[in-house]
Amino acid sequence: MTSSLLMCLINKLFRESLKCTWWHSNTLLLQDATLTEKSPEAPRLVKILDEILDMRDDGDVLLSKKVKLEMMGVSKVYGSPQVFALCLPSCQNTTASGVAFFNTHGPYYFTSGIDLSSHLIYTPLIVNPIGFTIITYYNYPSAEYFIGLTSIKINDKQVDINPSLLTIDNDGFGGTRLSTITPYTTLHTSIYRPFIQLFINESRALNLSISTNPVSPFEVCFNASDVHETWFGPEVPVIDLVMHSEDVFWKVYGWNTMVKVDGEIGESLWCLGFVDGGDEARTSVVIGGRQMEDNLLQFDLVNERFGFSSVLAHQTFCIEFNFTDGYM
C-alpha cells in the first residue's frame, strides 16, 4: 500500500476523534499489504473506513465491534489475523503523530529498539449482553469493548468499592468500558468519592498543596509549583487498575493521571484527570483517552483479549514509533 493512500485513509479515520488532535498526521499499517490506489480493493477499504468513521457521533471511533466485522473482510484478503493496536500520543504533543496497526500482532518497534508486542499484558475482552448505543440493535450485545476491572489501588492501597458495580448485570449496567471519545476516565459517584479521598490522603505524604480553586471538570488540583516532575510525569500517587487477577494490572503514572491547566488567576495547576460520572451512570468505569495516551493498546479479536503496555515504562513515547524496521 503506498504511503499517500495510507495517509489519506488514516487521516479520514481519526479526524476529530477527540477534542485534542491526536492524529495530526499518521500512518496506517496493514501486514503484508500490497494494495495500491489502483487496486480493486482500494475502494473497499475506503468504504470500510468511511463506515467506521460514521460511528463517531454514536460510538467510539475504532473501539466498536463493528470493526471486527469489517476487519474480517480485510483479513480474508490478506490472510492476516483480526487484531488492531493503537498508540495514542499525548494531547500536549499537538503536532505529533500516533500510530495504528491493523491485522498484525506485531512486532511494534520503537526508536529505542524495543518491541512492545513482547511486553503486552493481557486481560479478557468481556461482552456486555445489552447494548445501549444507536449502532446496537435492540436486545443485542453491546458493540463496545469492556474489560474485567476488579479493583483500583492507589499506592498499593485498595479503594473501597462495592464489587457489584464492577460487574455487568443482566440489564447491561455496571462494568468497565474503553472509550477513546471520553476525554477523561469517569467513575460512578460511589466509586469516585472514595477514589479521590484516598488519592488526596496519599498526596499529603508528598507535601502537595490542594488548590482551593479547581478547574472544571476536575475537583482535585495541586499547585504546579509544588509538584516534582519526572520521566513519568508529575510525581503523584500511582494508580493501579487491577484486572481479572491481582498480578494483572494497568499501572497509571502521573503523566496519564494528571492534566495541566491554568487556574482562574493564571496560576499553573496539575489536576486529577478522573471525573464524576454520576450516581446513575450506566457504565461504572469508563476508561478515557487521557489514560490511554502513551500506552500501546492491542485489541485481539480472535483470542478475545485486550493487551496493554505503558510505553513510558520503557523510556519512550507513542510518537517515537520506528517506521524503518520492515514496515514502510
Protein backbone atom coordinates (compact mmCIF):
# COMPACT_ATOMS: atom_id res chain seq x y z
CA MET A 1 0.00 0.00 0.00
CA THR A 2 1.51 3.34 -0.94
CA SER A 3 2.06 5.96 1.70
CA SER A 4 -0.20 8.57 0.04
CA LEU A 5 -3.25 6.30 0.24
CA LEU A 6 -2.33 5.32 3.79
CA MET A 7 -2.10 8.93 4.88
CA CYS A 8 -5.44 9.70 3.26
CA LEU A 9 -7.21 6.79 4.94
CA ILE A 10 -5.79 7.25 8.41
CA ASN A 11 -6.48 10.97 8.41
CA LYS A 12 -10.11 10.23 7.42
CA LEU A 13 -10.39 7.64 10.14
CA PHE A 14 -9.04 9.62 13.07
CA ARG A 15 -10.02 13.16 12.13
CA GLU A 16 -11.74 14.85 15.09
CA SER A 17 -11.83 11.60 17.10
CA LEU A 18 -11.22 13.64 20.26
CA LYS A 19 -11.23 17.26 21.25
CA CYS A 20 -7.46 17.11 21.24
CA THR A 21 -5.83 16.44 17.89
CA TRP A 22 -4.18 13.06 18.36
CA TRP A 23 -3.95 12.22 14.68
CA HIS A 24 -2.39 15.28 13.11
CA SER A 25 -0.62 13.11 10.55
CA ASN A 26 -0.37 9.40 10.85
CA THR A 27 0.36 6.07 9.26
CA LEU A 28 -1.87 3.02 8.98
CA LEU A 29 -0.09 -0.32 8.83
CA LEU A 30 -1.61 -3.42 7.22
CA GLN A 31 0.56 -6.51 7.45
CA ASP A 32 1.58 -7.99 4.06
CA ALA A 33 -0.48 -5.36 2.23
CA THR A 34 0.24 -4.89 -1.47
CA LEU A 35 -2.69 -2.56 -2.07
CA THR A 36 -2.21 0.46 -4.33
CA GLU A 37 -4.54 3.31 -5.27
CA LYS A 38 -5.48 1.42 -8.47
CA SER A 39 -6.08 -1.90 -6.74
CA PRO A 40 -9.67 -3.23 -6.84
CA GLU A 41 -9.57 -3.46 -3.03
CA ALA A 42 -8.76 0.23 -2.53
CA PRO A 43 -12.39 1.46 -2.82
CA ARG A 44 -13.49 -1.33 -0.46
CA LEU A 45 -11.02 -0.27 2.21
CA VAL A 46 -12.01 3.35 1.84
CA LYS A 47 -15.67 2.28 2.28
CA ILE A 48 -14.79 0.28 5.39
CA LEU A 49 -13.02 3.23 6.97
CA ASP A 50 -15.82 5.60 5.98
CA GLU A 51 -18.36 3.31 7.69
CA ILE A 52 -16.24 3.16 10.82
CA LEU A 53 -15.84 6.94 10.76
CA ASP A 54 -19.63 7.33 10.56
CA MET A 55 -19.86 5.88 14.09
CA ARG A 56 -18.04 8.87 15.53
CA ASP A 57 -21.19 10.52 16.90
CA ASP A 58 -22.81 7.35 18.23
CA GLY A 59 -19.94 5.23 19.49
CA ASP A 60 -16.19 5.12 19.74
CA VAL A 61 -14.10 5.52 16.64
CA LEU A 62 -12.36 2.17 16.24
CA LEU A 63 -13.45 0.89 19.65
CA SER A 64 -16.57 -0.84 18.38
CA LYS A 65 -17.15 -4.46 17.46
CA LYS A 66 -18.42 -3.30 14.08
CA VAL A 67 -14.71 -3.03 13.34
CA LYS A 68 -14.46 -6.79 13.83
CA LEU A 69 -16.97 -7.47 11.07
CA GLU A 70 -15.26 -5.07 8.69
CA MET A 71 -11.79 -6.35 9.58
CA MET A 72 -12.84 -9.90 8.74
CA GLY A 73 -13.16 -8.88 5.10
CA VAL A 74 -9.75 -7.23 5.11
CA SER A 75 -8.25 -10.24 6.89
CA LYS A 76 -9.56 -12.60 4.26
CA VAL A 77 -7.90 -10.55 1.53
CA TYR A 78 -4.53 -10.52 3.25
CA GLY A 79 -4.71 -13.81 5.19
CA SER A 80 -3.85 -11.96 8.38
CA PRO A 81 -5.32 -12.00 11.93
CA GLN A 82 -8.21 -9.89 13.18
CA VAL A 83 -6.34 -7.63 15.53
CA PHE A 84 -5.66 -3.92 15.78
CA ALA A 85 -3.48 -1.83 18.03
CA LEU A 86 -3.32 1.85 18.92
CA CYS A 87 -0.63 4.06 20.38
CA LEU A 88 -2.10 7.48 21.09
CA PRO A 89 0.30 10.39 21.66
CA SER A 90 -0.24 12.84 24.45
CA CYS A 91 -2.65 15.68 23.73
CA GLN A 92 0.16 18.00 24.80
CA ASN A 93 2.08 16.86 21.71
CA THR A 94 -0.49 18.50 19.43
CA THR A 95 1.62 18.24 16.27
CA ALA A 96 2.93 14.74 16.94
CA SER A 97 1.81 11.53 15.24
CA GLY A 98 0.39 8.42 16.82
CA VAL A 99 0.20 5.06 15.10
CA ALA A 100 -2.46 2.43 14.40
CA PHE A 101 -1.79 -1.16 13.36
CA PHE A 102 -4.35 -3.34 11.61
CA ASN A 103 -4.24 -7.12 11.17
CA THR A 104 -0.90 -7.72 12.84
CA HIS A 105 0.13 -8.95 16.31
CA GLY A 106 3.45 -7.17 15.89
CA PRO A 107 6.29 -6.60 16.21
CA TYR A 108 5.81 -2.97 17.28
CA TYR A 109 9.28 -1.41 17.32
CA PHE A 110 10.08 1.97 18.83
CA THR A 111 13.15 4.10 18.21
CA SER A 112 14.74 2.83 21.43
CA GLY A 113 14.85 -0.59 19.73
CA ILE A 114 12.27 -2.18 21.99
CA ASP A 115 9.45 -4.33 20.58
CA LEU A 116 6.48 -3.60 22.80
CA SER A 117 4.48 -6.54 21.47
CA SER A 118 6.59 -8.70 23.77
CA HIS A 119 5.68 -6.57 26.79
CA LEU A 120 1.91 -6.56 26.45
CA ILE A 121 -0.16 -7.65 29.46
CA TYR A 122 -3.44 -9.33 28.56
CA THR A 123 -6.89 -9.42 30.08
CA PRO A 124 -10.07 -10.86 28.52
CA LEU A 125 -12.42 -8.70 26.50
CA ILE A 126 -15.88 -9.01 28.06
CA VAL A 127 -19.27 -8.98 26.35
CA ASN A 128 -21.95 -6.69 27.73
CA PRO A 129 -25.17 -8.60 26.98
CA ILE A 130 -27.19 -5.43 26.41
CA GLY A 131 -26.19 -2.70 24.02
CA PHE A 132 -27.27 0.90 24.52
CA THR A 133 -25.93 2.91 21.57
CA ILE A 134 -27.56 3.76 18.26
CA ILE A 135 -25.22 1.36 16.47
CA THR A 136 -26.51 -1.57 18.55
CA TYR A 137 -29.67 -3.47 17.66
CA TYR A 138 -32.33 -3.86 20.34
CA ASN A 139 -31.70 -6.80 22.67
CA TYR A 140 -28.30 -7.44 21.09
CA PRO A 141 -24.96 -7.42 22.96
CA SER A 142 -23.10 -4.13 23.21
CA ALA A 143 -20.88 -3.17 20.27
CA GLU A 144 -18.34 -1.60 22.63
CA TYR A 145 -15.33 -3.11 24.36
CA PHE A 146 -15.49 -3.99 28.06
CA ILE A 147 -12.78 -5.38 30.34
CA GLY A 148 -12.93 -7.02 33.77
CA LEU A 149 -11.66 -4.42 36.21
CA THR A 150 -11.91 -5.92 39.70
CA SER A 151 -10.36 -3.23 41.90
CA ILE A 152 -8.49 0.09 41.94
CA LYS A 153 -5.41 0.70 44.07
CA ILE A 154 -3.58 3.93 44.90
CA ASN A 155 -0.04 3.43 46.16
CA ASP A 156 -0.99 -0.23 46.69
CA LYS A 157 -3.94 0.72 48.90
CA GLN A 158 -7.30 -0.50 47.67
CA VAL A 159 -10.13 1.92 47.02
CA ASP A 160 -13.30 0.95 48.87
CA ILE A 161 -15.63 -0.12 46.04
CA ASN A 162 -18.84 -2.13 46.02
CA PRO A 163 -17.76 -5.13 43.87
CA SER A 164 -21.17 -5.34 42.23
CA LEU A 165 -20.52 -2.05 40.44
CA LEU A 166 -17.59 -3.63 38.59
CA THR A 167 -19.66 -6.47 37.18
CA ILE A 168 -22.20 -6.18 34.36
CA ASP A 169 -25.74 -7.06 35.39
CA ASN A 170 -28.47 -8.61 33.25
CA ASP A 171 -29.65 -5.18 32.13
CA GLY A 172 -26.19 -4.15 30.89
CA PHE A 173 -25.41 -1.81 33.79
CA GLY A 174 -22.02 -1.70 35.51
CA GLY A 175 -18.61 -2.91 34.40
CA THR A 176 -15.70 -1.13 32.75
CA ARG A 177 -15.69 0.20 29.20
CA LEU A 178 -12.89 1.56 26.99
CA SER A 179 -13.66 4.85 25.23
CA THR A 180 -11.41 6.96 23.03
CA ILE A 181 -14.02 9.73 22.78
CA THR A 182 -14.34 10.17 26.54
CA PRO A 183 -11.56 12.66 27.36
CA TYR A 184 -11.01 11.57 30.97
CA THR A 185 -11.86 8.42 32.90
CA THR A 186 -15.28 8.68 34.51
CA LEU A 187 -16.26 6.84 37.67
CA HIS A 188 -19.66 6.11 39.17
CA THR A 189 -20.14 8.55 42.08
CA SER A 190 -19.92 5.79 44.71
CA ILE A 191 -16.51 4.86 43.26
CA TYR A 192 -15.34 8.40 42.58
CA ARG A 193 -15.79 9.71 46.12
CA PRO A 194 -13.61 7.15 47.94
CA PHE A 195 -11.20 7.24 44.99
CA ILE A 196 -10.44 10.96 45.24
CA GLN A 197 -10.35 10.82 49.04
CA LEU A 198 -7.69 8.11 49.02
CA PHE A 199 -5.76 9.99 46.33
CA ILE A 200 -5.80 13.16 48.45
CA ASN A 201 -4.70 11.21 51.54
CA GLU A 202 -1.78 9.66 49.67
CA SER A 203 -0.82 13.04 48.19
CA ARG A 204 -0.27 14.50 51.64
CA ALA A 205 2.86 12.38 52.03
CA LEU A 206 4.29 14.26 49.03
CA ASN A 207 3.52 17.65 50.63
CA LEU A 208 1.25 18.65 47.77
CA SER A 209 -0.94 21.71 48.27
CA ILE A 210 -4.53 21.26 47.12
CA SER A 211 -5.84 24.26 45.23
CA THR A 212 -8.97 25.86 46.63
CA ASN A 213 -9.96 26.83 43.08
CA PRO A 214 -10.04 23.64 40.98
CA VAL A 215 -10.80 23.95 37.28
CA SER A 216 -13.91 22.21 35.95
CA PRO A 217 -14.50 19.35 35.24
CA PHE A 218 -11.82 18.45 37.79
CA GLU A 219 -12.31 18.54 41.56
CA VAL A 220 -8.78 17.85 42.80
CA CYS A 221 -5.97 20.14 41.66
CA PHE A 222 -2.49 20.88 43.03
CA ASN A 223 -0.33 23.95 42.62
CA ALA A 224 2.14 23.00 39.91
CA SER A 225 4.98 24.73 41.76
CA ASP A 226 4.69 22.09 44.49
CA VAL A 227 4.74 19.11 42.13
CA HIS A 228 8.03 17.48 41.21
CA GLU A 229 8.16 16.28 37.60
CA THR A 230 9.82 13.04 36.49
CA TRP A 231 10.09 10.93 33.35
CA PHE A 232 6.67 9.51 34.24
CA GLY A 233 5.16 12.97 34.57
CA PRO A 234 4.18 14.75 37.79
CA GLU A 235 5.17 12.86 40.91
CA VAL A 236 1.81 11.89 42.39
CA PRO A 237 0.37 8.68 43.87
CA VAL A 238 0.44 5.78 41.41
CA ILE A 239 -2.86 4.22 40.39
CA ASP A 240 -3.26 0.53 39.55
CA LEU A 241 -6.29 -0.71 37.64
CA VAL A 242 -6.43 -4.36 38.71
CA MET A 243 -7.95 -6.77 36.20
CA HIS A 244 -9.01 -10.41 36.48
CA SER A 245 -6.04 -11.31 38.67
CA GLU A 246 -4.05 -9.43 41.32
CA ASP A 247 -0.90 -9.73 39.20
CA VAL A 248 -2.60 -8.33 36.09
CA PHE A 249 -2.89 -4.56 36.46
CA TRP A 250 -2.69 -1.42 34.33
CA LYS A 251 -0.33 0.99 36.07
CA VAL A 252 -1.31 4.62 35.59
CA TYR A 253 1.60 7.02 36.08
CA GLY A 254 1.42 10.76 36.72
CA TRP A 255 1.57 11.63 33.01
CA ASN A 256 -1.74 9.80 32.49
CA THR A 257 -3.21 10.61 35.89
CA MET A 258 -2.88 14.39 35.84
CA VAL A 259 -3.83 17.21 33.46
CA LYS A 260 -2.01 20.55 33.43
CA VAL A 261 -4.33 23.58 33.27
CA ASP A 262 -4.32 27.28 34.08
CA GLY A 263 -6.28 28.41 37.11
CA GLU A 264 -8.67 31.33 37.39
CA ILE A 265 -5.93 33.80 38.28
CA GLY A 266 -3.40 32.40 35.81
CA GLU A 267 -1.68 30.00 38.20
CA SER A 268 -0.48 26.68 36.80
CA LEU A 269 -2.23 23.60 38.20
CA TRP A 270 -1.94 19.84 37.91
CA CYS A 271 -5.47 18.36 38.16
CA LEU A 272 -6.52 14.76 38.73
CA GLY A 273 -7.83 13.62 35.34
CA PHE A 274 -10.67 11.45 36.65
CA VAL A 275 -14.22 12.81 36.79
CA ASP A 276 -17.52 12.02 38.47
CA GLY A 277 -19.81 10.09 36.12
CA GLY A 278 -22.85 10.49 38.38
CA ASP A 279 -24.77 8.07 40.57
CA GLU A 280 -26.92 6.86 37.66
CA ALA A 281 -24.05 6.05 35.31
CA ARG A 282 -24.87 3.09 33.10
CA THR A 283 -21.21 2.01 32.99
CA SER A 284 -19.44 2.24 36.35
CA VAL A 285 -15.96 2.93 34.94
CA VAL A 286 -15.23 4.40 31.52
CA ILE A 287 -11.50 4.50 30.81
CA GLY A 288 -10.95 7.65 28.77
CA GLY A 289 -8.48 9.00 26.27
CA ARG A 290 -6.13 10.71 28.71
CA GLN A 291 -5.45 7.45 30.50
CA MET A 292 -4.85 5.68 27.15
CA GLU A 293 -2.23 8.13 25.89
CA ASP A 294 1.32 6.80 25.58
CA ASN A 295 0.12 3.24 26.11
CA LEU A 296 0.28 0.55 23.46
CA LEU A 297 -3.21 -0.97 23.34
CA GLN A 298 -3.93 -4.14 21.37
CA PHE A 299 -7.40 -5.50 20.61
CA ASP A 300 -7.02 -9.17 19.76
CA LEU A 301 -10.44 -10.08 18.39
CA VAL A 302 -9.51 -13.68 17.57
CA ASN A 303 -8.48 -14.54 21.12
CA GLU A 304 -10.96 -12.06 22.65
CA ARG A 305 -8.36 -10.33 24.76
CA PHE A 306 -7.06 -6.81 25.37
CA GLY A 307 -3.34 -6.14 25.65
CA PHE A 308 -1.81 -3.05 27.24
CA SER A 309 1.66 -1.74 27.99
CA SER A 310 2.83 1.69 29.14
CA VAL A 311 5.41 2.99 26.68
CA LEU A 312 6.60 5.40 29.40
CA ALA A 313 7.76 2.41 31.46
CA HIS A 314 10.08 1.57 28.57
CA GLN A 315 11.56 5.05 28.29
CA THR A 316 9.78 6.02 25.09
CA PHE A 317 6.62 7.70 23.76
CA CYS A 318 3.98 6.83 21.17
CA ILE A 319 5.45 9.49 18.87
CA GLU A 320 8.69 7.50 18.74
CA PHE A 321 7.47 4.52 16.74
CA ASN A 322 10.22 3.22 14.43
CA PHE A 323 8.97 3.32 10.83
CA THR A 324 12.16 1.85 9.36
CA ASP A 325 12.17 -1.78 10.57
CA GLY A 326 10.34 -3.52 7.75
CA TYR A 327 7.10 -1.55 7.79
CA MET A 328 7.41 1.02 5.05
